[in-house]
Amino acid sequence: MSPSMARAAEAAPAKGTAMHYPCLMVGLLIMLTGTLYPLLFTSANGKAHHGLAMALFWAMSAGLVRGVGFVPRAWGWKLLFSAWSCGVALGLAAYLRWSTFATPWLG
């Protein structure tokens, strides 16, 4: 490989490392909303809802990691910090927040 081709290969971003703006916006929105309105992480009786907080923090982490374009190499981390896991965590958070069927041992 010639030196000019090597420089071009170094300058080009790796495949799959582009920013993912929907995930980034989800992560930033959860971060800002949780900072400005921390009662979001509480249950109806005012106590901390640990299941809801865990789901929202997972969605925030996955959104920020995938949103800035980082894709982990190990399959376990890739599974936890993908765009799909961000959506699953948001769905779990919505279920825990508004479902009357959420069991008390989750939060």
PDB file of N, CA and C in Angstrom:
ATOM      1  N   MET A   1       0.853  -1.170   0.000  1.00  0.00           N
ATOM      2  CA  MET A   1       0.000   0.000   0.000  1.00  0.00           C
ATOM      3  C   MET A   1       0.901   1.235   0.000  1.00  0.00           C
ATOM      4  N   SER A   2       0.562   2.155  -0.860  1.00  0.00           N
ATOM      5  CA  SER A   2       1.375   3.365  -0.950  1.00  0.00           C
ATOM      6  C   SER A   2       1.076   4.293   0.224  1.00  0.00           C
ATOM      7  N   PRO A   3       2.012   5.206   0.540  1.00  0.00           N
ATOM      8  CA  PRO A   3       1.783   6.127   1.668  1.00  0.00           C
ATOM      9  C   PRO A   3       0.532   6.990   1.492  1.00  0.00           C
ATOM     10  N   SER A   4       0.227   7.390   0.265  1.00  0.00           N
ATOM     11  CA  SER A   4      -0.968   8.220   0.062  1.00  0.00           C
ATOM     12  C   SER A   4      -2.238   7.420   0.321  1.00  0.00           C
ATOM     13  N   MET A   5      -2.248   6.139  -0.027  1.00  0.00           N
ATOM     14  CA  MET A   5      -3.419   5.295   0.235  1.00  0.00           C
ATOM     15  C   MET A   5      -3.576   5.045   1.730  1.00  0.00           C
ATOM     16  N   ALA A   6      -2.445   4.913   2.434  1.00  0.00           N
ATOM     17  CA  ALA A   6      -2.497   4.707   3.875  1.00  0.00           C
ATOM     18  C   ALA A   6      -3.064   5.929   4.578  1.00  0.00           C
ATOM     19  N   ARG A   7      -2.662   7.127   4.126  1.00  0.00           N
ATOM     20  CA  ARG A   7      -3.214   8.350   4.720  1.00  0.00           C
ATOM     21  C   ARG A   7      -4.704   8.464   4.437  1.00  0.00           C
ATOM     22  N   ALA A   8      -5.137   8.099   3.243  1.00  0.00           N
ATOM     23  CA  ALA A   8      -6.557   8.165   2.904  1.00  0.00           C
ATOM     24  C   ALA A   8      -7.363   7.180   3.752  1.00  0.00           C
ATOM     25  N   ALA A   9      -6.793   5.997   3.995  1.00  0.00           N
ATOM     26  CA  ALA A   9      -7.493   5.003   4.822  1.00  0.00           C
ATOM     27  C   ALA A   9      -7.598   5.482   6.265  1.00  0.00           C
ATOM     28  N   GLU A  10      -6.580   6.172   6.764  1.00  0.00           N
ATOM     29  CA  GLU A  10      -6.635   6.689   8.129  1.00  0.00           C
ATOM     30  C   GLU A  10      -7.619   7.833   8.255  1.00  0.00           C
ATOM     31  N   ALA A  11      -7.749   8.646   7.220  1.00  0.00           N
ATOM     32  CA  ALA A  11      -8.629   9.809   7.274  1.00  0.00           C
ATOM     33  C   ALA A  11     -10.096   9.423   7.143  1.00  0.00           C
ATOM     34  N   ALA A  12     -10.382   8.333   6.432  1.00  0.00           N
ATOM     35  CA  ALA A  12     -11.773   7.926   6.225  1.00  0.00           C
ATOM     36  C   ALA A  12     -12.320   7.298   7.497  1.00  0.00           C
ATOM     37  N   PRO A  13     -13.530   7.679   7.904  1.00  0.00           N
ATOM     38  CA  PRO A  13     -14.105   7.067   9.098  1.00  0.00           C
ATOM     39  C   PRO A  13     -14.438   5.603   8.840  1.00  0.00           C
ATOM     40  N   ALA A  14     -14.356   4.803   9.870  1.00  0.00           N
ATOM     41  CA  ALA A  14     -14.676   3.390   9.751  1.00  0.00           C
ATOM     42  C   ALA A  14     -16.162   3.219   9.479  1.00  0.00           C
ATOM     43  N   LYS A  15     -16.502   2.119   8.836  1.00  0.00           N
ATOM     44  CA  LYS A  15     -17.896   1.855   8.511  1.00  0.00           C
ATOM     45  C   LYS A  15     -18.716   1.706   9.795  1.00  0.00           C
ATOM     46  N   GLY A  16     -19.872   2.358   9.848  1.00  0.00           N
ATOM     47  CA  GLY A  16     -20.758   2.265  10.999  1.00  0.00           C
ATOM     48  C   GLY A  16     -20.448   3.235  12.121  1.00  0.00           C
ATOM     49  N   THR A  17     -19.553   4.187  11.902  1.00  0.00           N
ATOM     50  CA  THR A  17     -19.214   5.103  12.981  1.00  0.00           C
ATOM     51  C   THR A  17     -19.818   6.486  12.786  1.00  0.00           C
ATOM     52  N   ALA A  18     -20.759   6.617  11.896  1.00  0.00           N
ATOM     53  CA  ALA A  18     -21.412   7.910  11.695  1.00  0.00           C
ATOM     54  C   ALA A  18     -22.304   8.223  12.892  1.00  0.00           C
ATOM     55  N   MET A  19     -22.485   9.497  13.144  1.00  0.00           N
ATOM     56  CA  MET A  19     -23.354   9.901  14.253  1.00  0.00           C
ATOM     57  C   MET A  19     -24.792   9.462  13.961  1.00  0.00           C
ATOM     58  N   HIS A  20     -25.473   9.075  14.999  1.00  0.00           N
ATOM     59  CA  HIS A  20     -26.865   8.646  14.898  1.00  0.00           C
ATOM     60  C   HIS A  20     -27.697   9.660  15.670  1.00  0.00           C
ATOM     61  N   TYR A  21     -28.207  10.657  14.964  1.00  0.00           N
ATOM     62  CA  TYR A  21     -28.843  11.806  15.607  1.00  0.00           C
ATOM     63  C   TYR A  21     -30.104  11.478  16.413  1.00  0.00           C
ATOM     64  N   PRO A  22     -30.975  10.555  15.985  1.00  0.00           N
ATOM     65  CA  PRO A  22     -32.126  10.259  16.860  1.00  0.00           C
ATOM     66  C   PRO A  22     -31.717   9.727  18.228  1.00  0.00           C
ATOM     67  N   CYS A  23     -30.730   8.836  18.262  1.00  0.00           N
ATOM     68  CA  CYS A  23     -30.258   8.316  19.555  1.00  0.00           C
ATOM     69  C   CYS A  23     -29.601   9.415  20.373  1.00  0.00           C
ATOM     70  N   LEU A  24     -28.831  10.259  19.721  1.00  0.00           N
ATOM     71  CA  LEU A  24     -28.169  11.350  20.428  1.00  0.00           C
ATOM     72  C   LEU A  24     -29.198  12.297  21.040  1.00  0.00           C
ATOM     73  N   MET A  25     -30.257  12.592  20.304  1.00  0.00           N
ATOM     74  CA  MET A  25     -31.294  13.480  20.831  1.00  0.00           C
ATOM     75  C   MET A  25     -32.027  12.843  22.007  1.00  0.00           C
ATOM     76  N   VAL A  26     -32.279  11.534  21.943  1.00  0.00           N
ATOM     77  CA  VAL A  26     -32.921  10.843  23.067  1.00  0.00           C
ATOM     78  C   VAL A  26     -32.040  10.928  24.305  1.00  0.00           C
ATOM     79  N   GLY A  27     -30.752  10.639  24.146  1.00  0.00           N
ATOM     80  CA  GLY A  27     -29.832  10.699  25.278  1.00  0.00           C
ATOM     81  C   GLY A  27     -29.743  12.091  25.883  1.00  0.00           C
ATOM     82  N   LEU A  28     -29.631  13.093  25.037  1.00  0.00           N
ATOM     83  CA  LEU A  28     -29.545  14.469  25.533  1.00  0.00           C
ATOM     84  C   LEU A  28     -30.846  14.919  26.184  1.00  0.00           C
ATOM     85  N   LEU A  29     -31.975  14.516  25.611  1.00  0.00           N
ATOM     86  CA  LEU A  29     -33.271  14.896  26.178  1.00  0.00           C
ATOM     87  C   LEU A  29     -33.474  14.273  27.560  1.00  0.00           C
ATOM     88  N   ILE A  30     -33.125  13.003  27.721  1.00  0.00           N
ATOM     89  CA  ILE A  30     -33.257  12.366  29.032  1.00  0.00           C
ATOM     90  C   ILE A  30     -32.318  13.030  30.029  1.00  0.00           C
ATOM     91  N   MET A  31     -31.090  13.327  29.595  1.00  0.00           N
ATOM     92  CA  MET A  31     -30.118  13.961  30.476  1.00  0.00           C
ATOM     93  C   MET A  31     -30.608  15.332  30.944  1.00  0.00           C
ATOM     94  N   LEU A  32     -31.076  16.155  30.031  1.00  0.00           N
ATOM     95  CA  LEU A  32     -31.528  17.500  30.391  1.00  0.00           C
ATOM     96  C   LEU A  32     -32.816  17.477  31.204  1.00  0.00           C
ATOM     97  N   THR A  33     -33.746  16.611  30.820  1.00  0.00           N
ATOM     98  CA  THR A  33     -35.011  16.524  31.547  1.00  0.00           C
ATOM     99  C   THR A  33     -34.792  16.012  32.970  1.00  0.00           C
ATOM    100  N   GLY A  34     -33.935  15.005  33.121  1.00  0.00           N
ATOM    101  CA  GLY A  34     -33.638  14.492  34.455  1.00  0.00           C
ATOM    102  C   GLY A  34     -32.918  15.504  35.321  1.00  0.00           C
ATOM    103  N   THR A  35     -32.126  16.371  34.691  1.00  0.00           N
ATOM    104  CA  THR A  35     -31.431  17.408  35.447  1.00  0.00           C
ATOM    105  C   THR A  35     -32.383  18.511  35.882  1.00  0.00           C
ATOM    106  N   LEU A  36     -33.258  18.923  34.986  1.00  0.00           N
ATOM    107  CA  LEU A  36     -34.176  20.021  35.281  1.00  0.00           C
ATOM    108  C   LEU A  36     -35.409  19.582  36.077  1.00  0.00           C
ATOM    109  N   TYR A  37     -35.821  18.327  35.922  1.00  0.00           N
ATOM    110  CA  TYR A  37     -37.015  17.824  36.604  1.00  0.00           C
ATOM    111  C   TYR A  37     -36.729  16.438  37.182  1.00  0.00           C
ATOM    112  N   PRO A  38     -36.007  16.362  38.295  1.00  0.00           N
ATOM    113  CA  PRO A  38     -35.638  15.054  38.851  1.00  0.00           C
ATOM    114  C   PRO A  38     -36.818  14.253  39.381  1.00  0.00           C
ATOM    115  N   LEU A  39     -37.977  14.868  39.554  1.00  0.00           N
ATOM    116  CA  LEU A  39     -39.156  14.122  39.994  1.00  0.00           C
ATOM    117  C   LEU A  39     -39.623  13.123  38.939  1.00  0.00           C
ATOM    118  N   LEU A  40     -39.033  13.196  37.754  1.00  0.00           N
ATOM    119  CA  LEU A  40     -39.327  12.231  36.704  1.00  0.00           C
ATOM    120  C   LEU A  40     -38.980  10.812  37.157  1.00  0.00           C
ATOM    121  N   PHE A  41     -38.003  10.669  38.033  1.00  0.00           N
ATOM    122  CA  PHE A  41     -37.520   9.366  38.462  1.00  0.00           C
ATOM    123  C   PHE A  41     -38.196   8.876  39.733  1.00  0.00           C
ATOM    124  N   THR A  42     -39.305   9.483  40.126  1.00  0.00           N
ATOM    125  CA  THR A  42     -39.999   9.074  41.339  1.00  0.00           C
ATOM    126  C   THR A  42     -41.321   8.406  40.990  1.00  0.00           C
ATOM    127  N   SER A  43     -41.845   7.665  41.938  1.00  0.00           N
ATOM    128  CA  SER A  43     -43.155   7.038  41.768  1.00  0.00           C
ATOM    129  C   SER A  43     -44.227   8.005  42.253  1.00  0.00           C
ATOM    130  N   ALA A  44     -45.457   7.568  42.226  1.00  0.00           N
ATOM    131  CA  ALA A  44     -46.573   8.444  42.590  1.00  0.00           C
ATOM    132  C   ALA A  44     -46.515   8.871  44.055  1.00  0.00           C
ATOM    133  N   ASN A  45     -45.924   8.048  44.915  1.00  0.00           N
ATOM    134  CA  ASN A  45     -45.863   8.397  46.336  1.00  0.00           C
ATOM    135  C   ASN A  45     -44.629   9.236  46.681  1.00  0.00           C
ATOM    136  N   GLY A  46     -43.850   9.624  45.695  1.00  0.00           N
ATOM    137  CA  GLY A  46     -42.715  10.503  45.919  1.00  0.00           C
ATOM    138  C   GLY A  46     -41.395   9.805  46.202  1.00  0.00           C
ATOM    139  N   LYS A  47     -41.391   8.480  46.262  1.00  0.00           N
ATOM    140  CA  LYS A  47     -40.154   7.739  46.503  1.00  0.00           C
ATOM    141  C   LYS A  47     -39.471   7.435  45.169  1.00  0.00           C
ATOM    142  N   ALA A  48     -38.192   7.166  45.241  1.00  0.00           N
ATOM    143  CA  ALA A  48     -37.434   6.858  44.034  1.00  0.00           C
ATOM    144  C   ALA A  48     -37.971   5.584  43.382  1.00  0.00           C
ATOM    145  N   HIS A  49     -38.177   5.637  42.089  1.00  0.00           N
ATOM    146  CA  HIS A  49     -38.636   4.485  41.315  1.00  0.00           C
ATOM    147  C   HIS A  49     -37.399   3.917  40.621  1.00  0.00           C
ATOM    148  N   HIS A  50     -36.779   2.922  41.252  1.00  0.00           N
ATOM    149  CA  HIS A  50     -35.493   2.428  40.791  1.00  0.00           C
ATOM    150  C   HIS A  50     -35.571   1.738  39.436  1.00  0.00           C
ATOM    151  N   GLY A  51     -36.644   1.046  39.171  1.00  0.00           N
ATOM    152  CA  GLY A  51     -36.807   0.394  37.869  1.00  0.00           C
ATOM    153  C   GLY A  51     -36.915   1.412  36.749  1.00  0.00           C
ATOM    154  N   LEU A  52     -37.684   2.452  36.969  1.00  0.00           N
ATOM    155  CA  LEU A  52     -37.834   3.509  35.977  1.00  0.00           C
ATOM    156  C   LEU A  52     -36.520   4.243  35.760  1.00  0.00           C
ATOM    157  N   ALA A  53     -35.828   4.549  36.847  1.00  0.00           N
ATOM    158  CA  ALA A  53     -34.538   5.237  36.721  1.00  0.00           C
ATOM    159  C   ALA A  53     -33.540   4.374  35.963  1.00  0.00           C
ATOM    160  N   MET A  54     -33.516   3.070  36.236  1.00  0.00           N
ATOM    161  CA  MET A  54     -32.602   2.178  35.541  1.00  0.00           C
ATOM    162  C   MET A  54     -32.901   2.143  34.049  1.00  0.00           C
ATOM    163  N   ALA A  55     -34.177   2.051  33.691  1.00  0.00           N
ATOM    164  CA  ALA A  55     -34.549   2.006  32.280  1.00  0.00           C
ATOM    165  C   ALA A  55     -34.202   3.323  31.569  1.00  0.00           C
ATOM    166  N   LEU A  56     -34.467   4.445  32.227  1.00  0.00           N
ATOM    167  CA  LEU A  56     -34.148   5.733  31.611  1.00  0.00           C
ATOM    168  C   LEU A  56     -32.637   5.960  31.494  1.00  0.00           C
ATOM    169  N   PHE A  57     -31.884   5.544  32.505  1.00  0.00           N
ATOM    170  CA  PHE A  57     -30.431   5.706  32.430  1.00  0.00           C
ATOM    171  C   PHE A  57     -29.827   4.778  31.383  1.00  0.00           C
ATOM    172  N   TRP A  58     -30.403   3.602  31.203  1.00  0.00           N
ATOM    173  CA  TRP A  58     -29.949   2.694  30.140  1.00  0.00           C
ATOM    174  C   TRP A  58     -30.229   3.317  28.780  1.00  0.00           C
ATOM    175  N   ALA A  59     -31.438   3.874  28.602  1.00  0.00           N
ATOM    176  CA  ALA A  59     -31.772   4.529  27.339  1.00  0.00           C
ATOM    177  C   ALA A  59     -30.859   5.728  27.087  1.00  0.00           C
ATOM    178  N   MET A  60     -30.582   6.494  28.132  1.00  0.00           N
ATOM    179  CA  MET A  60     -29.699   7.653  27.988  1.00  0.00           C
ATOM    180  C   MET A  60     -28.291   7.211  27.608  1.00  0.00           C
ATOM    181  N   SER A  61     -27.774   6.207  28.285  1.00  0.00           N
ATOM    182  CA  SER A  61     -26.420   5.728  27.997  1.00  0.00           C
ATOM    183  C   SER A  61     -26.325   5.166  26.588  1.00  0.00           C
ATOM    184  N   ALA A  62     -27.276   4.330  26.214  1.00  0.00           N
ATOM    185  CA  ALA A  62     -27.261   3.758  24.862  1.00  0.00           C
ATOM    186  C   ALA A  62     -27.422   4.844  23.817  1.00  0.00           C
ATOM    187  N   GLY A  63     -28.270   5.828  24.090  1.00  0.00           N
ATOM    188  CA  GLY A  63     -28.463   6.916  23.144  1.00  0.00           C
ATOM    189  C   GLY A  63     -27.221   7.759  22.960  1.00  0.00           C
ATOM    190  N   LEU A  64     -26.539   8.056  24.050  1.00  0.00           N
ATOM    191  CA  LEU A  64     -25.327   8.871  23.948  1.00  0.00           C
ATOM    192  C   LEU A  64     -24.177   8.101  23.300  1.00  0.00           C
ATOM    193  N   VAL A  65     -24.008   6.830  23.676  1.00  0.00           N
ATOM    194  CA  VAL A  65     -22.915   6.038  23.105  1.00  0.00           C
ATOM    195  C   VAL A  65     -23.122   5.854  21.609  1.00  0.00           C
ATOM    196  N   ARG A  66     -24.309   5.410  21.214  1.00  0.00           N
ATOM    197  CA  ARG A  66     -24.565   5.191  19.786  1.00  0.00           C
ATOM    198  C   ARG A  66     -24.708   6.519  19.049  1.00  0.00           C
ATOM    199  N   GLY A  67     -25.227   7.525  19.723  1.00  0.00           N
ATOM    200  CA  GLY A  67     -25.466   8.815  19.084  1.00  0.00           C
ATOM    201  C   GLY A  67     -24.205   9.513  18.628  1.00  0.00           C
ATOM    202  N   VAL A  68     -23.119   9.372  19.384  1.00  0.00           N
ATOM    203  CA  VAL A  68     -21.867  10.021  18.978  1.00  0.00           C
ATOM    204  C   VAL A  68     -21.110   9.189  17.949  1.00  0.00           C
ATOM    205  N   GLY A  69     -21.622   8.019  17.621  1.00  0.00           N
ATOM    206  CA  GLY A  69     -21.022   7.211  16.564  1.00  0.00           C
ATOM    207  C   GLY A  69     -20.144   6.087  17.045  1.00  0.00           C
ATOM    208  N   PHE A  70     -20.082   5.855  18.352  1.00  0.00           N
ATOM    209  CA  PHE A  70     -19.247   4.773  18.848  1.00  0.00           C
ATOM    210  C   PHE A  70     -20.012   3.465  18.775  1.00  0.00           C
ATOM    211  N   VAL A  71     -19.414   2.457  18.149  1.00  0.00           N
ATOM    212  CA  VAL A  71     -20.000   1.125  18.085  1.00  0.00           C
ATOM    213  C   VAL A  71     -18.993   0.163  18.720  1.00  0.00           C
ATOM    214  N   PRO A  72     -19.327  -0.399  19.891  1.00  0.00           N
ATOM    215  CA  PRO A  72     -18.390  -1.315  20.550  1.00  0.00           C
ATOM    216  C   PRO A  72     -18.113  -2.548  19.691  1.00  0.00           C
ATOM    217  N   ARG A  73     -16.958  -3.176  19.920  1.00  0.00           N
ATOM    218  CA  ARG A  73     -16.594  -4.370  19.154  1.00  0.00           C
ATOM    219  C   ARG A  73     -17.157  -5.641  19.763  1.00  0.00           C
ATOM    220  N   ALA A  74     -17.149  -5.737  21.075  1.00  0.00           N
ATOM    221  CA  ALA A  74     -17.643  -6.938  21.746  1.00  0.00           C
ATOM    222  C   ALA A  74     -19.171  -7.011  21.615  1.00  0.00           C
ATOM    223  N   TRP A  75     -19.673  -8.207  21.352  1.00  0.00           N
ATOM    224  CA  TRP A  75     -21.101  -8.338  21.058  1.00  0.00           C
ATOM    225  C   TRP A  75     -21.964  -7.989  22.261  1.00  0.00           C
ATOM    226  N   GLY A  76     -21.489  -8.243  23.485  1.00  0.00           N
ATOM    227  CA  GLY A  76     -22.279  -7.913  24.678  1.00  0.00           C
ATOM    228  C   GLY A  76     -22.479  -6.417  24.835  1.00  0.00           C
ATOM    229  N   TRP A  77     -21.394  -5.669  24.674  1.00  0.00           N
ATOM    230  CA  TRP A  77     -21.492  -4.204  24.758  1.00  0.00           C
ATOM    231  C   TRP A  77     -22.261  -3.651  23.575  1.00  0.00           C
ATOM    232  N   LYS A  78     -22.078  -4.265  22.420  1.00  0.00           N
ATOM    233  CA  LYS A  78     -22.811  -3.819  21.235  1.00  0.00           C
ATOM    234  C   LYS A  78     -24.310  -3.999  21.437  1.00  0.00           C
ATOM    235  N   LEU A  79     -24.679  -5.086  22.103  1.00  0.00           N
ATOM    236  CA  LEU A  79     -26.087  -5.346  22.386  1.00  0.00           C
ATOM    237  C   LEU A  79     -26.652  -4.330  23.383  1.00  0.00           C
ATOM    238  N   LEU A  80     -25.882  -3.978  24.407  1.00  0.00           N
ATOM    239  CA  LEU A  80     -26.358  -3.039  25.427  1.00  0.00           C
ATOM    240  C   LEU A  80     -26.423  -1.593  24.945  1.00  0.00           C
ATOM    241  N   PHE A  81     -25.552  -1.212  24.006  1.00  0.00           N
ATOM    242  CA  PHE A  81     -25.455   0.185  23.601  1.00  0.00           C
ATOM    243  C   PHE A  81     -25.809   0.402  22.141  1.00  0.00           C
ATOM    244  N   SER A  82     -26.776  -0.319  21.625  1.00  0.00           N
ATOM    245  CA  SER A  82     -27.212  -0.144  20.244  1.00  0.00           C
ATOM    246  C   SER A  82     -28.441   0.767  20.188  1.00  0.00           C
ATOM    247  N   ALA A  83     -28.800   1.145  18.990  1.00  0.00           N
ATOM    248  CA  ALA A  83     -30.009   1.955  18.813  1.00  0.00           C
ATOM    249  C   ALA A  83     -31.248   1.160  19.212  1.00  0.00           C
ATOM    250  N   TRP A  84     -31.236  -0.140  18.947  1.00  0.00           N
ATOM    251  CA  TRP A  84     -32.374  -0.978  19.318  1.00  0.00           C
ATOM    252  C   TRP A  84     -32.525  -1.058  20.837  1.00  0.00           C
ATOM    253  N   SER A  85     -31.421  -1.170  21.542  1.00  0.00           N
ATOM    254  CA  SER A  85     -31.525  -1.241  23.003  1.00  0.00           C
ATOM    255  C   SER A  85     -31.995   0.082  23.591  1.00  0.00           C
ATOM    256  N   CYS A  86     -31.671   1.187  22.943  1.00  0.00           N
ATOM    257  CA  CYS A  86     -32.184   2.484  23.373  1.00  0.00           C
ATOM    258  C   CYS A  86     -33.713   2.493  23.279  1.00  0.00           C
ATOM    259  N   GLY A  87     -34.234   1.965  22.188  1.00  0.00           N
ATOM    260  CA  GLY A  87     -35.686   1.881  22.019  1.00  0.00           C
ATOM    261  C   GLY A  87     -36.347   0.930  23.000  1.00  0.00           C
ATOM    262  N   VAL A  88     -35.696  -0.205  23.259  1.00  0.00           N
ATOM    263  CA  VAL A  88     -36.230  -1.171  24.225  1.00  0.00           C
ATOM    264  C   VAL A  88     -36.266  -0.555  25.621  1.00  0.00           C
ATOM    265  N   ALA A  89     -35.208   0.148  25.980  1.00  0.00           N
ATOM    266  CA  ALA A  89     -35.157   0.785  27.303  1.00  0.00           C
ATOM    267  C   ALA A  89     -36.215   1.880  27.425  1.00  0.00           C
ATOM    268  N   LEU A  90     -36.445   2.630  26.360  1.00  0.00           N
ATOM    269  CA  LEU A  90     -37.510   3.644  26.392  1.00  0.00           C
ATOM    270  C   LEU A  90     -38.885   3.000  26.529  1.00  0.00           C
ATOM    271  N   GLY A  91     -39.096   1.892  25.841  1.00  0.00           N
ATOM    272  CA  GLY A  91     -40.355   1.166  25.972  1.00  0.00           C
ATOM    273  C   GLY A  91     -40.559   0.634  27.381  1.00  0.00           C
ATOM    274  N   LEU A  92     -39.487   0.100  27.975  1.00  0.00           N
ATOM    275  CA  LEU A  92     -39.566  -0.382  29.350  1.00  0.00           C
ATOM    276  C   LEU A  92     -39.864   0.767  30.315  1.00  0.00           C
ATOM    277  N   ALA A  93     -39.233   1.916  30.084  1.00  0.00           N
ATOM    278  CA  ALA A  93     -39.489   3.078  30.941  1.00  0.00           C
ATOM    279  C   ALA A  93     -40.939   3.545  30.814  1.00  0.00           C
ATOM    280  N   ALA A  94     -41.466   3.564  29.605  1.00  0.00           N
ATOM    281  CA  ALA A  94     -42.863   3.959  29.410  1.00  0.00           C
ATOM    282  C   ALA A  94     -43.804   2.977  30.096  1.00  0.00           C
ATOM    283  N   TYR A  95     -43.491   1.688  29.989  1.00  0.00           N
ATOM    284  CA  TYR A  95     -44.312   0.679  30.647  1.00  0.00           C
ATOM    285  C   TYR A  95     -44.295   0.873  32.168  1.00  0.00           C
ATOM    286  N   LEU A  96     -43.116   1.086  32.719  1.00  0.00           N
ATOM    287  CA  LEU A  96     -43.009   1.250  34.166  1.00  0.00           C
ATOM    288  C   LEU A  96     -43.650   2.550  34.649  1.00  0.00           C
ATOM    289  N   ARG A  97     -43.634   3.567  33.825  1.00  0.00           N
ATOM    290  CA  ARG A  97     -44.181   4.869  34.227  1.00  0.00           C
ATOM    291  C   ARG A  97     -45.704   4.887  34.185  1.00  0.00           C
ATOM    292  N   TRP A  98     -46.286   4.323  33.139  1.00  0.00           N
ATOM    293  CA  TRP A  98     -47.725   4.498  32.930  1.00  0.00           C
ATOM    294  C   TRP A  98     -48.555   3.227  33.033  1.00  0.00           C
ATOM    295  N   SER A  99     -47.943   2.104  33.272  1.00  0.00           N
ATOM    296  CA  SER A  99     -48.709   0.872  33.344  1.00  0.00           C
ATOM    297  C   SER A  99     -49.207   0.637  34.764  1.00  0.00           C
ATOM    298  N   THR A 100     -50.428   0.206  34.851  1.00  0.00           N
ATOM    299  CA  THR A 100     -50.980  -0.163  36.156  1.00  0.00           C
ATOM    300  C   THR A 100     -50.620  -1.590  36.492  1.00  0.00           C
ATOM    301  N   PHE A 101     -50.049  -2.313  35.514  1.00  0.00           N
ATOM    302  CA  PHE A 101     -49.687  -3.706  35.718  1.00  0.00           C
ATOM    303  C   PHE A 101     -48.233  -3.899  36.147  1.00  0.00           C
ATOM    304  N   ALA A 102     -47.480  -2.804  36.256  1.00  0.00           N
ATOM    305  CA  ALA A 102     -46.074  -2.902  36.661  1.00  0.00           C
ATOM    306  C   ALA A 102     -46.010  -3.435  38.090  1.00  0.00           C
ATOM    307  N   THR A 103     -45.223  -4.441  38.281  1.00  0.00           N
ATOM    308  CA  THR A 103     -45.152  -5.059  39.607  1.00  0.00           C
ATOM    309  C   THR A 103     -44.320  -4.190  40.549  1.00  0.00           C
ATOM    310  N   PRO A 104     -44.661  -4.185  41.816  1.00  0.00           N
ATOM    311  CA  PRO A 104     -43.943  -3.336  42.775  1.00  0.00           C
ATOM    312  C   PRO A 104     -42.479  -3.715  42.956  1.00  0.00           C
ATOM    313  N   TRP A 105     -42.101  -4.984  42.723  1.00  0.00           N
ATOM    314  CA  TRP A 105     -40.722  -5.373  42.951  1.00  0.00           C
ATOM    315  C   TRP A 105     -39.785  -4.830  41.870  1.00  0.00           C
ATOM    316  N   LEU A 106     -40.313  -4.295  40.764  1.00  0.00           N
ATOM    317  CA  LEU A 106     -39.460  -3.664  39.756  1.00  0.00           C
ATOM    318  C   LEU A 106     -39.071  -2.267  40.156  1.00  0.00           C
ATOM    319  N   GLY A 107     -39.776  -1.628  41.005  1.00  0.00           N
ATOM    320  CA  GLY A 107     -39.425  -0.254  41.354  1.00  0.00           C
ATOM    321  C   GLY A 107     -39.600  -0.006  42.746  1.00  0.00           C
TER     322      GLY A 107
END
